[in-house]
C-alpha atoms as a PDB file:
ATOM      1  CA  MET A   1      53.933  33.348  35.167  1.00  0.00           C
ATOM      2  CA  LEU A   2      53.429  36.925  36.369  1.00  0.00           C
ATOM      3  CA  GLY A   3      49.676  36.402  36.564  1.00  0.00           C
ATOM      4  CA  THR A   4      50.101  33.359  38.797  1.00  0.00           C
ATOM      5  CA  ILE A   5      52.367  35.255  41.165  1.00  0.00           C
ATOM      6  CA  LEU A   6      49.897  38.147  41.354  1.00  0.00           C
ATOM      7  CA  ILE A   7      47.010  35.777  42.102  1.00  0.00           C
ATOM      8  CA  ILE A   8      48.966  34.088  44.907  1.00  0.00           C
ATOM      9  CA  ILE A   9      49.896  37.454  46.442  1.00  0.00           C
ATOM     10  CA  LEU A  10      46.299  38.674  46.259  1.00  0.00           C
ATOM     11  CA  ILE A  11      44.983  35.467  47.851  1.00  0.00           C
ATOM     12  CA  LEU A  12      47.423  35.905  50.745  1.00  0.00           C
ATOM     13  CA  MET A  13      46.360  39.554  51.126  1.00  0.00           C
ATOM     14  CA  LEU A  14      42.706  38.503  51.085  1.00  0.00           C
ATOM     15  CA  VAL A  15      43.272  35.962  53.864  1.00  0.00           C
ATOM     16  CA  GLY A  16      45.178  38.561  55.903  1.00  0.00           C
ATOM     17  CA  ALA A  17      42.361  41.102  55.559  1.00  0.00           C
ATOM     18  CA  LEU A  18      39.617  38.786  56.817  1.00  0.00           C
ATOM     19  CA  PRO A  19      38.025  40.173  59.984  1.00  0.00           C
ATOM     20  CA  SER A  20      38.574  36.918  61.882  1.00  0.00           C
ATOM     21  CA  TRP A  21      42.160  37.947  62.632  1.00  0.00           C
ATOM     22  CA  GLY A  22      42.717  40.003  65.777  1.00  0.00           C
ATOM     23  CA  TYR A  23      44.437  43.005  64.227  1.00  0.00           C
ATOM     24  CA  SER A  24      41.896  43.389  61.430  1.00  0.00           C
ATOM     25  CA  ARG A  25      38.686  42.767  63.364  1.00  0.00           C
ATOM     26  CA  ALA A  26      37.828  46.488  63.593  1.00  0.00           C
ATOM     27  CA  TRP A  27      38.241  46.966  59.826  1.00  0.00           C
ATOM     28  CA  GLY A  28      35.019  45.139  58.944  1.00  0.00           C
ATOM     29  CA  TYR A  29      34.545  43.522  55.541  1.00  0.00           C
ATOM     30  CA  GLY A  30      35.729  46.471  53.454  1.00  0.00           C
ATOM     31  CA  PRO A  31      39.350  45.452  52.820  1.00  0.00           C
ATOM     32  CA  SER A  32      38.522  41.807  52.102  1.00  0.00           C
ATOM     33  CA  GLY A  33      35.708  42.841  49.761  1.00  0.00           C
ATOM     34  CA  GLY A  34      37.968  45.197  47.856  1.00  0.00           C
ATOM     35  CA  LEU A  35      40.748  42.644  47.597  1.00  0.00           C
ATOM     36  CA  GLY A  36      38.235  40.007  46.541  1.00  0.00           C
ATOM     37  CA  LEU A  37      37.043  42.256  43.726  1.00  0.00           C
ATOM     38  CA  ILE A  38      40.620  42.836  42.559  1.00  0.00           C
ATOM     39  CA  LEU A  39      41.236  39.082  42.706  1.00  0.00           C
ATOM     40  CA  ILE A  40      38.174  38.317  40.575  1.00  0.00           C
ATOM     41  CA  ILE A  41      39.196  40.926  37.978  1.00  0.00           C
ATOM     42  CA  LEU A  42      42.749  39.557  37.886  1.00  0.00           C
ATOM     43  CA  ILE A  43      41.517  35.966  37.468  1.00  0.00           C
ATOM     44  CA  ILE A  44      39.315  37.047  34.558  1.00  0.00           C
ATOM     45  CA  LEU A  45      42.221  38.872  32.924  1.00  0.00           C
ATOM     46  CA  VAL A  46      44.482  35.829  33.339  1.00  0.00           C
ATOM     47  CA  LEU A  47      41.856  33.549  31.811  1.00  0.00           C
ATOM     48  CA  LEU A  48      41.449  35.904  28.872  1.00  0.00           C
ATOM     49  CA  GLY A  49      45.232  36.032  28.403  1.00  0.00           C
ATOM     50  CA  ARG A  50      45.576  39.763  29.076  1.00  0.00           C
ATOM     51  CA  VAL A  51      48.057  39.389  31.974  1.00  0.00           C
END
């Protein structure tokens, strides 16, 4: 249950950090790349049953 909530929160953060939004256009792809990496690691941990 906790893993599912964390994945949903990270997906929402990833969408908010995309450079297509006006406030985050100057950030580049750094935040979305970092959040994407965290999301992939969390998905792997959930699939392995660690979270």
